[in-house]
Amino acid sequence: MKEYQAVVLRLTRHLRDDEDALTDLLNERSRGGWAPTMMSQDAQRLTLVFERDVIPEG
């Protein structure tokens, strides 16, 4: 079974700040067992969908 999480990152006009925010987001999710699955982007937002395997209880 899979679990999904969507994250919307608001982009700024400062490339370095956006790179740092994206790096922090990816590192944080990776430590939690999440892997990026899908991405979409427009002029102001980057939307990332993460997934991880969930072991069913019972």
PDB file of N, CA and C in Angstrom:
ATOM      1  N   MET A   1       0.846  -1.161   0.000  1.00  0.00           N
ATOM      2  CA  MET A   1       0.000   0.000   0.000  1.00  0.00           C
ATOM      3  C   MET A   1       0.904   1.241   0.000  1.00  0.00           C
ATOM      4  N   LYS A   2       0.466   2.266  -0.683  1.00  0.00           N
ATOM      5  CA  LYS A   2       1.234   3.506  -0.773  1.00  0.00           C
ATOM      6  C   LYS A   2       0.491   4.639  -0.075  1.00  0.00           C
ATOM      7  N   GLU A   3       1.264   5.557   0.451  1.00  0.00           N
ATOM      8  CA  GLU A   3       0.752   6.773   1.066  1.00  0.00           C
ATOM      9  C   GLU A   3       1.341   7.939   0.270  1.00  0.00           C
ATOM     10  N   TYR A   4       0.535   8.963   0.039  1.00  0.00           N
ATOM     11  CA  TYR A   4       0.979  10.100  -0.767  1.00  0.00           C
ATOM     12  C   TYR A   4       0.885  11.391   0.032  1.00  0.00           C
ATOM     13  N   GLN A   5       1.736  12.340  -0.340  1.00  0.00           N
ATOM     14  CA  GLN A   5       1.732  13.656   0.296  1.00  0.00           C
ATOM     15  C   GLN A   5       2.065  14.680  -0.790  1.00  0.00           C
ATOM     16  N   ALA A   6       1.253  15.717  -0.886  1.00  0.00           N
ATOM     17  CA  ALA A   6       1.513  16.801  -1.843  1.00  0.00           C
ATOM     18  C   ALA A   6       2.036  18.012  -1.084  1.00  0.00           C
ATOM     19  N   VAL A   7       3.016  18.681  -1.673  1.00  0.00           N
ATOM     20  CA  VAL A   7       3.606  19.871  -1.074  1.00  0.00           C
ATOM     21  C   VAL A   7       3.668  20.954  -2.151  1.00  0.00           C
ATOM     22  N   VAL A   8       3.193  22.143  -1.817  1.00  0.00           N
ATOM     23  CA  VAL A   8       3.256  23.273  -2.731  1.00  0.00           C
ATOM     24  C   VAL A   8       4.308  24.245  -2.202  1.00  0.00           C
ATOM     25  N   LEU A   9       5.293  24.518  -3.028  1.00  0.00           N
ATOM     26  CA  LEU A   9       6.373  25.425  -2.662  1.00  0.00           C
ATOM     27  C   LEU A   9       6.194  26.711  -3.474  1.00  0.00           C
ATOM     28  N   ARG A  10       5.996  27.811  -2.785  1.00  0.00           N
ATOM     29  CA  ARG A  10       5.836  29.094  -3.475  1.00  0.00           C
ATOM     30  C   ARG A  10       7.216  29.597  -3.895  1.00  0.00           C
ATOM     31  N   LEU A  11       7.350  29.887  -5.181  1.00  0.00           N
ATOM     32  CA  LEU A  11       8.627  30.349  -5.709  1.00  0.00           C
ATOM     33  C   LEU A  11       8.764  31.858  -5.536  1.00  0.00           C
ATOM     34  N   THR A  12       9.986  32.287  -5.297  1.00  0.00           N
ATOM     35  CA  THR A  12      10.288  33.708  -5.176  1.00  0.00           C
ATOM     36  C   THR A  12      11.063  34.126  -6.425  1.00  0.00           C
ATOM     37  N   ARG A  13      11.494  35.322  -6.469  1.00  0.00           N
ATOM     38  CA  ARG A  13      12.326  35.767  -7.593  1.00  0.00           C
ATOM     39  C   ARG A  13      13.811  35.667  -7.253  1.00  0.00           C
ATOM     40  N   HIS A  14      14.115  34.989  -6.156  1.00  0.00           N
ATOM     41  CA  HIS A  14      15.501  34.833  -5.709  1.00  0.00           C
ATOM     42  C   HIS A  14      15.901  33.379  -5.878  1.00  0.00           C
ATOM     43  N   LEU A  15      16.683  33.107  -6.892  1.00  0.00           N
ATOM     44  CA  LEU A  15      17.045  31.741  -7.246  1.00  0.00           C
ATOM     45  C   LEU A  15      17.685  30.994  -6.078  1.00  0.00           C
ATOM     46  N   ARG A  16      18.597  31.627  -5.380  1.00  0.00           N
ATOM     47  CA  ARG A  16      19.293  30.955  -4.268  1.00  0.00           C
ATOM     48  C   ARG A  16      18.315  30.563  -3.160  1.00  0.00           C
ATOM     49  N   ASP A  17      17.375  31.433  -2.826  1.00  0.00           N
ATOM     50  CA  ASP A  17      16.373  31.113  -1.806  1.00  0.00           C
ATOM     51  C   ASP A  17      15.509  29.942  -2.238  1.00  0.00           C
ATOM     52  N   ASP A  18      15.119  29.917  -3.522  1.00  0.00           N
ATOM     53  CA  ASP A  18      14.306  28.808  -4.035  1.00  0.00           C
ATOM     54  C   ASP A  18      15.077  27.499  -4.000  1.00  0.00           C
ATOM     55  N   GLU A  19      16.349  27.546  -4.364  1.00  0.00           N
ATOM     56  CA  GLU A  19      17.187  26.336  -4.319  1.00  0.00           C
ATOM     57  C   GLU A  19      17.314  25.816  -2.892  1.00  0.00           C
ATOM     58  N   ASP A  20      17.537  26.712  -1.949  1.00  0.00           N
ATOM     59  CA  ASP A  20      17.661  26.305  -0.545  1.00  0.00           C
ATOM     60  C   ASP A  20      16.361  25.706  -0.024  1.00  0.00           C
ATOM     61  N   ALA A  21      15.245  26.335  -0.354  1.00  0.00           N
ATOM     62  CA  ALA A  21      13.945  25.835   0.108  1.00  0.00           C
ATOM     63  C   ALA A  21      13.657  24.455  -0.476  1.00  0.00           C
ATOM     64  N   LEU A  22      13.944  24.268  -1.757  1.00  0.00           N
ATOM     65  CA  LEU A  22      13.710  22.976  -2.394  1.00  0.00           C
ATOM     66  C   LEU A  22      14.641  21.907  -1.821  1.00  0.00           C
ATOM     67  N   THR A  23      15.895  22.241  -1.615  1.00  0.00           N
ATOM     68  CA  THR A  23      16.845  21.297  -1.029  1.00  0.00           C
ATOM     69  C   THR A  23      16.413  20.878   0.365  1.00  0.00           C
ATOM     70  N   ASP A  24      16.007  21.841   1.181  1.00  0.00           N
ATOM     71  CA  ASP A  24      15.541  21.534   2.538  1.00  0.00           C
ATOM     72  C   ASP A  24      14.312  20.625   2.497  1.00  0.00           C
ATOM     73  N   LEU A  25      13.372  20.922   1.599  1.00  0.00           N
ATOM     74  CA  LEU A  25      12.157  20.123   1.465  1.00  0.00           C
ATOM     75  C   LEU A  25      12.488  18.689   1.070  1.00  0.00           C
ATOM     76  N   LEU A  26      13.337  18.526   0.067  1.00  0.00           N
ATOM     77  CA  LEU A  26      13.686  17.181  -0.387  1.00  0.00           C
ATOM     78  C   LEU A  26      14.443  16.400   0.684  1.00  0.00           C
ATOM     79  N   ASN A  27      15.365  17.053   1.372  1.00  0.00           N
ATOM     80  CA  ASN A  27      16.108  16.371   2.445  1.00  0.00           C
ATOM     81  C   ASN A  27      15.181  15.949   3.584  1.00  0.00           C
ATOM     82  N   GLU A  28      14.278  16.831   3.965  1.00  0.00           N
ATOM     83  CA  GLU A  28      13.341  16.536   5.055  1.00  0.00           C
ATOM     84  C   GLU A  28      12.453  15.352   4.701  1.00  0.00           C
ATOM     85  N   ARG A  29      11.891  15.351   3.507  1.00  0.00           N
ATOM     86  CA  ARG A  29      11.007  14.259   3.099  1.00  0.00           C
ATOM     87  C   ARG A  29      11.784  12.954   2.948  1.00  0.00           C
ATOM     88  N   SER A  30      12.994  13.036   2.432  1.00  0.00           N
ATOM     89  CA  SER A  30      13.809  11.837   2.253  1.00  0.00           C
ATOM     90  C   SER A  30      14.098  11.169   3.591  1.00  0.00           C
ATOM     91  N   ARG A  31      14.412  11.962   4.601  1.00  0.00           N
ATOM     92  CA  ARG A  31      14.664  11.396   5.936  1.00  0.00           C
ATOM     93  C   ARG A  31      13.417  10.714   6.504  1.00  0.00           C
ATOM     94  N   GLY A  32      12.238  11.147   6.081  1.00  0.00           N
ATOM     95  CA  GLY A  32      10.992  10.540   6.544  1.00  0.00           C
ATOM     96  C   GLY A  32      10.549   9.355   5.715  1.00  0.00           C
ATOM     97  N   GLY A  33      11.365   8.946   4.745  1.00  0.00           N
ATOM     98  CA  GLY A  33      11.029   7.784   3.925  1.00  0.00           C
ATOM     99  C   GLY A  33      10.211   8.116   2.690  1.00  0.00           C
ATOM    100  N   TRP A  34      10.022   9.396   2.393  1.00  0.00           N
ATOM    101  CA  TRP A  34       9.237   9.827   1.235  1.00  0.00           C
ATOM    102  C   TRP A  34      10.131   9.917   0.006  1.00  0.00           C
ATOM    103  N   ALA A  35       9.600   9.580  -1.155  1.00  0.00           N
ATOM    104  CA  ALA A  35      10.317   9.711  -2.426  1.00  0.00           C
ATOM    105  C   ALA A  35       9.468  10.563  -3.373  1.00  0.00           C
ATOM    106  N   PRO A  36      10.092  11.507  -4.091  1.00  0.00           N
ATOM    107  CA  PRO A  36       9.325  12.315  -5.038  1.00  0.00           C
ATOM    108  C   PRO A  36       8.780  11.452  -6.170  1.00  0.00           C
ATOM    109  N   THR A  37       7.520  11.690  -6.525  1.00  0.00           N
ATOM    110  CA  THR A  37       6.849  10.885  -7.537  1.00  0.00           C
ATOM    111  C   THR A  37       6.426  11.715  -8.743  1.00  0.00           C
ATOM    112  N   MET A  38       5.864  12.888  -8.482  1.00  0.00           N
ATOM    113  CA  MET A  38       5.387  13.759  -9.552  1.00  0.00           C
ATOM    114  C   MET A  38       5.730  15.201  -9.218  1.00  0.00           C
ATOM    115  N   MET A  39       5.816  16.020 -10.273  1.00  0.00           N
ATOM    116  CA  MET A  39       6.098  17.426 -10.078  1.00  0.00           C
ATOM    117  C   MET A  39       5.386  18.222 -11.159  1.00  0.00           C
ATOM    118  N   SER A  40       4.873  19.394 -10.773  1.00  0.00           N
ATOM    119  CA  SER A  40       4.374  20.342 -11.766  1.00  0.00           C
ATOM    120  C   SER A  40       4.777  21.732 -11.311  1.00  0.00           C
ATOM    121  N   GLN A  41       4.860  22.634 -12.275  1.00  0.00           N
ATOM    122  CA  GLN A  41       5.336  23.972 -11.959  1.00  0.00           C
ATOM    123  C   GLN A  41       4.615  24.985 -12.828  1.00  0.00           C
ATOM    124  N   ASP A  42       4.278  26.110 -12.226  1.00  0.00           N
ATOM    125  CA  ASP A  42       3.847  27.267 -12.988  1.00  0.00           C
ATOM    126  C   ASP A  42       4.760  28.416 -12.594  1.00  0.00           C
ATOM    127  N   ALA A  43       4.417  29.629 -12.951  1.00  0.00           N
ATOM    128  CA  ALA A  43       5.309  30.764 -12.717  1.00  0.00           C
ATOM    129  C   ALA A  43       5.541  31.055 -11.242  1.00  0.00           C
ATOM    130  N   GLN A  44       4.597  30.674 -10.378  1.00  0.00           N
ATOM    131  CA  GLN A  44       4.689  31.044  -8.971  1.00  0.00           C
ATOM    132  C   GLN A  44       4.787  29.877  -8.007  1.00  0.00           C
ATOM    133  N   ARG A  45       4.496  28.659  -8.467  1.00  0.00           N
ATOM    134  CA  ARG A  45       4.446  27.522  -7.549  1.00  0.00           C
ATOM    135  C   ARG A  45       5.092  26.285  -8.143  1.00  0.00           C
ATOM    136  N   LEU A  46       5.675  25.510  -7.260  1.00  0.00           N
ATOM    137  CA  LEU A  46       6.190  24.193  -7.598  1.00  0.00           C
ATOM    138  C   LEU A  46       5.423  23.207  -6.724  1.00  0.00           C
ATOM    139  N   THR A  47       4.747  22.273  -7.351  1.00  0.00           N
ATOM    140  CA  THR A  47       3.982  21.270  -6.614  1.00  0.00           C
ATOM    141  C   THR A  47       4.689  19.933  -6.758  1.00  0.00           C
ATOM    142  N   LEU A  48       4.998  19.317  -5.623  1.00  0.00           N
ATOM    143  CA  LEU A  48       5.654  18.019  -5.601  1.00  0.00           C
ATOM    144  C   LEU A  48       4.748  17.022  -4.893  1.00  0.00           C
ATOM    145  N   VAL A  49       4.671  15.816  -5.438  1.00  0.00           N
ATOM    146  CA  VAL A  49       3.936  14.734  -4.801  1.00  0.00           C
ATOM    147  C   VAL A  49       4.964  13.687  -4.391  1.00  0.00           C
ATOM    148  N   PHE A  50       4.887  13.300  -3.132  1.00  0.00           N
ATOM    149  CA  PHE A  50       5.791  12.294  -2.577  1.00  0.00           C
ATOM    150  C   PHE A  50       4.993  11.041  -2.263  1.00  0.00           C
ATOM    151  N   GLU A  51       5.668   9.897  -2.268  1.00  0.00           N
ATOM    152  CA  GLU A  51       5.030   8.635  -1.891  1.00  0.00           C
ATOM    153  C   GLU A  51       5.973   7.832  -1.011  1.00  0.00           C
ATOM    154  N   ARG A  52       5.370   6.964  -0.231  1.00  0.00           N
ATOM    155  CA  ARG A  52       6.145   5.994   0.544  1.00  0.00           C
ATOM    156  C   ARG A  52       5.280   4.762   0.752  1.00  0.00           C
ATOM    157  N   ASP A  53       5.956   3.649   0.943  1.00  0.00           N
ATOM    158  CA  ASP A  53       5.247   2.399   1.202  1.00  0.00           C
ATOM    159  C   ASP A  53       4.779   2.376   2.651  1.00  0.00           C
ATOM    160  N   VAL A  54       3.566   1.879   2.842  1.00  0.00           N
ATOM    161  CA  VAL A  54       2.995   1.752   4.179  1.00  0.00           C
ATOM    162  C   VAL A  54       2.705   0.277   4.406  1.00  0.00           C
ATOM    163  N   ILE A  55       3.120  -0.201   5.556  1.00  0.00           N
ATOM    164  CA  ILE A  55       2.835  -1.589   5.920  1.00  0.00           C
ATOM    165  C   ILE A  55       1.473  -1.617   6.594  1.00  0.00           C
ATOM    166  N   PRO A  56       0.511  -2.367   6.021  1.00  0.00           N
ATOM    167  CA  PRO A  56      -0.830  -2.422   6.621  1.00  0.00           C
ATOM    168  C   PRO A  56      -0.777  -3.026   8.028  1.00  0.00           C
ATOM    169  N   GLU A  57      -1.566  -2.448   8.904  1.00  0.00           N
ATOM    170  CA  GLU A  57      -1.666  -2.972  10.264  1.00  0.00           C
ATOM    171  C   GLU A  57      -2.614  -4.153  10.294  1.00  0.00           C
ATOM    172  N   GLY A  58      -2.345  -5.068  11.199  1.00  0.00           N
ATOM    173  CA  GLY A  58      -3.263  -6.162  11.434  1.00  0.00           C
ATOM    174  C   GLY A  58      -2.879  -7.375  10.755  1.00  0.00           C
TER     175      GLY A  58
END
